[in-house]
Amino acid sequence: MAKRKHNSGMFKRGFDPRRHQLTPADRVKGFWNAIYSIVRRYPDAIGSDGRHMACRFLKSKSEEKAR
């Protein structure tokens, strides 16, 4: 395999201002946005208690998508 020609976008070890580190607050916000998105698209994913997502439902959806 031929070696790729170096370009400015290639990964280099160490600090790079183009790499953004997510803060814990950013990660939490992203998590809740993902949950909201799933609930909005699949209302049946909410458990009967209204608090817990049905993991089996989500697993079945991902298996359907893989087919």
N, C-alpha and C. Protein backbone atom coordinates (compact mmCIF):
# COMPACT_ATOMS: atom_id res chain seq x y z
N MET A 1 0.84 -1.18 0.00
CA MET A 1 0.00 0.00 0.00
C MET A 1 0.89 1.24 0.00
N ALA A 2 0.54 2.17 -0.85
CA ALA A 2 1.34 3.40 -0.96
C ALA A 2 1.07 4.32 0.22
N LYS A 3 2.12 5.00 0.63
CA LYS A 3 1.97 5.93 1.75
C LYS A 3 1.26 7.19 1.25
N ARG A 4 0.35 7.69 2.07
CA ARG A 4 -0.40 8.89 1.69
C ARG A 4 0.46 10.13 1.80
N LYS A 5 0.17 11.05 0.94
CA LYS A 5 0.86 12.33 0.97
C LYS A 5 0.38 13.14 2.18
N HIS A 6 1.30 13.75 2.89
CA HIS A 6 0.96 14.53 4.08
C HIS A 6 0.14 15.76 3.69
N ASN A 7 -0.90 16.03 4.51
CA ASN A 7 -1.66 17.26 4.30
C ASN A 7 -1.94 17.91 5.65
N SER A 8 -2.41 19.13 5.65
CA SER A 8 -2.58 19.89 6.90
C SER A 8 -3.69 19.35 7.78
N GLY A 9 -4.56 18.50 7.25
CA GLY A 9 -5.66 17.96 8.05
C GLY A 9 -5.33 16.65 8.72
N MET A 10 -4.14 16.12 8.50
CA MET A 10 -3.78 14.84 9.09
C MET A 10 -3.59 14.96 10.60
N PHE A 11 -3.88 13.87 11.31
CA PHE A 11 -3.77 13.86 12.76
C PHE A 11 -2.32 13.96 13.20
N LYS A 12 -2.08 14.84 14.16
CA LYS A 12 -0.77 14.96 14.79
C LYS A 12 -0.97 14.88 16.29
N ARG A 13 -0.08 14.22 16.99
CA ARG A 13 -0.18 14.14 18.44
C ARG A 13 0.00 15.51 19.06
N GLY A 14 -0.62 15.67 20.24
CA GLY A 14 -0.46 16.92 20.97
C GLY A 14 -1.62 17.88 20.74
N PHE A 15 -1.45 19.08 21.24
CA PHE A 15 -2.51 20.08 21.18
C PHE A 15 -2.77 20.53 19.75
N ASP A 16 -4.03 20.66 19.41
CA ASP A 16 -4.43 21.18 18.12
C ASP A 16 -5.70 21.99 18.35
N PRO A 17 -5.66 23.29 18.08
CA PRO A 17 -6.82 24.13 18.36
C PRO A 17 -8.06 23.75 17.55
N ARG A 18 -7.90 22.96 16.49
CA ARG A 18 -9.06 22.53 15.71
C ARG A 18 -9.85 21.44 16.41
N ARG A 19 -9.23 20.75 17.37
CA ARG A 19 -9.91 19.69 18.12
C ARG A 19 -10.65 20.32 19.29
N HIS A 20 -11.97 20.13 19.32
CA HIS A 20 -12.78 20.69 20.39
C HIS A 20 -13.04 19.64 21.45
N GLN A 21 -12.72 19.94 22.68
CA GLN A 21 -13.01 19.03 23.78
C GLN A 21 -14.36 19.40 24.37
N LEU A 22 -15.28 18.43 24.40
CA LEU A 22 -16.59 18.69 24.96
C LEU A 22 -16.50 18.77 26.48
N THR A 23 -17.19 19.73 27.04
CA THR A 23 -17.26 19.86 28.50
C THR A 23 -18.29 18.86 29.01
N PRO A 24 -18.25 18.56 30.31
CA PRO A 24 -19.29 17.67 30.87
C PRO A 24 -20.69 18.21 30.61
N ALA A 25 -20.87 19.51 30.67
CA ALA A 25 -22.19 20.10 30.41
C ALA A 25 -22.62 19.85 28.96
N ASP A 26 -21.68 19.95 28.02
CA ASP A 26 -21.98 19.67 26.61
C ASP A 26 -22.41 18.21 26.42
N ARG A 27 -21.70 17.30 27.10
CA ARG A 27 -22.03 15.89 26.97
C ARG A 27 -23.41 15.58 27.54
N VAL A 28 -23.74 16.18 28.68
CA VAL A 28 -25.05 15.97 29.29
C VAL A 28 -26.15 16.51 28.37
N LYS A 29 -25.92 17.69 27.82
CA LYS A 29 -26.90 18.28 26.91
C LYS A 29 -27.10 17.39 25.68
N GLY A 30 -26.03 16.86 25.14
CA GLY A 30 -26.12 15.96 23.99
C GLY A 30 -26.88 14.68 24.32
N PHE A 31 -26.64 14.14 25.52
CA PHE A 31 -27.35 12.94 25.95
C PHE A 31 -28.85 13.18 25.99
N TRP A 32 -29.25 14.27 26.64
CA TRP A 32 -30.69 14.54 26.77
C TRP A 32 -31.31 14.89 25.42
N ASN A 33 -30.57 15.52 24.54
CA ASN A 33 -31.10 15.79 23.20
C ASN A 33 -31.32 14.48 22.43
N ALA A 34 -30.42 13.52 22.60
CA ALA A 34 -30.58 12.23 21.95
C ALA A 34 -31.80 11.50 22.50
N ILE A 35 -31.99 11.53 23.81
CA ILE A 35 -33.16 10.90 24.43
C ILE A 35 -34.43 11.54 23.90
N TYR A 36 -34.47 12.86 23.87
CA TYR A 36 -35.64 13.59 23.36
C TYR A 36 -35.94 13.19 21.92
N SER A 37 -34.90 13.07 21.11
CA SER A 37 -35.07 12.71 19.71
C SER A 37 -35.68 11.31 19.57
N ILE A 38 -35.20 10.37 20.36
CA ILE A 38 -35.73 9.00 20.31
C ILE A 38 -37.18 8.98 20.75
N VAL A 39 -37.50 9.68 21.84
CA VAL A 39 -38.87 9.70 22.36
C VAL A 39 -39.81 10.34 21.35
N ARG A 40 -39.36 11.40 20.70
CA ARG A 40 -40.20 12.09 19.73
C ARG A 40 -40.50 11.19 18.53
N ARG A 41 -39.49 10.44 18.07
CA ARG A 41 -39.69 9.58 16.91
C ARG A 41 -40.41 8.29 17.24
N TYR A 42 -40.18 7.77 18.45
CA TYR A 42 -40.75 6.48 18.84
C TYR A 42 -41.45 6.60 20.19
N PRO A 43 -42.68 7.11 20.23
CA PRO A 43 -43.39 7.25 21.51
C PRO A 43 -43.59 5.92 22.21
N ASP A 44 -43.61 4.81 21.47
CA ASP A 44 -43.79 3.49 22.08
C ASP A 44 -42.57 3.05 22.89
N ALA A 45 -41.48 3.78 22.81
CA ALA A 45 -40.27 3.40 23.54
C ALA A 45 -40.36 3.72 25.02
N ILE A 46 -41.33 4.54 25.42
CA ILE A 46 -41.48 4.90 26.82
C ILE A 46 -42.18 3.78 27.56
N GLY A 47 -41.65 3.43 28.72
CA GLY A 47 -42.25 2.38 29.52
C GLY A 47 -43.60 2.79 30.07
N SER A 48 -44.34 1.84 30.64
CA SER A 48 -45.68 2.12 31.15
C SER A 48 -45.65 3.12 32.32
N ASP A 49 -44.51 3.20 33.01
CA ASP A 49 -44.40 4.16 34.12
C ASP A 49 -44.10 5.57 33.63
N GLY A 50 -43.81 5.71 32.33
CA GLY A 50 -43.55 7.03 31.77
C GLY A 50 -42.15 7.55 32.01
N ARG A 51 -41.32 6.77 32.66
CA ARG A 51 -39.98 7.24 33.01
C ARG A 51 -38.88 6.50 32.29
N HIS A 52 -39.08 5.23 32.04
CA HIS A 52 -37.98 4.42 31.51
C HIS A 52 -38.21 4.08 30.05
N MET A 53 -37.12 4.11 29.33
CA MET A 53 -37.19 3.72 27.92
C MET A 53 -37.12 2.21 27.84
N ALA A 54 -37.91 1.65 26.96
CA ALA A 54 -37.93 0.21 26.77
C ALA A 54 -36.73 -0.18 25.91
N CYS A 55 -35.72 -0.76 26.51
CA CYS A 55 -34.50 -1.13 25.79
C CYS A 55 -34.79 -2.15 24.71
N ARG A 56 -35.72 -3.05 24.97
CA ARG A 56 -36.06 -4.05 23.96
C ARG A 56 -36.60 -3.39 22.71
N PHE A 57 -37.41 -2.34 22.90
CA PHE A 57 -37.97 -1.62 21.75
C PHE A 57 -36.85 -1.02 20.91
N LEU A 58 -35.92 -0.35 21.56
CA LEU A 58 -34.83 0.29 20.82
C LEU A 58 -33.95 -0.75 20.13
N LYS A 59 -33.71 -1.87 20.80
CA LYS A 59 -32.90 -2.93 20.21
C LYS A 59 -33.60 -3.48 18.97
N SER A 60 -34.91 -3.68 19.04
CA SER A 60 -35.64 -4.21 17.89
C SER A 60 -35.60 -3.23 16.73
N LYS A 61 -35.66 -1.93 17.02
CA LYS A 61 -35.59 -0.93 15.96
C LYS A 61 -34.24 -0.95 15.27
N SER A 62 -33.17 -1.09 16.06
CA SER A 62 -31.82 -1.13 15.46
C SER A 62 -31.63 -2.39 14.63
N GLU A 63 -32.24 -3.50 15.05
CA GLU A 63 -32.14 -4.73 14.28
C GLU A 63 -32.91 -4.60 12.97
N GLU A 64 -34.08 -3.94 13.01
CA GLU A 64 -34.85 -3.71 11.79
C GLU A 64 -34.05 -2.89 10.79
N LYS A 65 -33.37 -1.88 11.31
CA LYS A 65 -32.60 -0.98 10.44
C LYS A 65 -31.43 -1.73 9.80
N ALA A 66 -30.87 -2.70 10.50
CA ALA A 66 -29.71 -3.44 9.99
C ALA A 66 -30.10 -4.35 8.82
N ARG A 67 -31.37 -4.70 8.75
CA ARG A 67 -31.81 -5.63 7.68
C ARG A 67 -31.87 -4.98 6.36
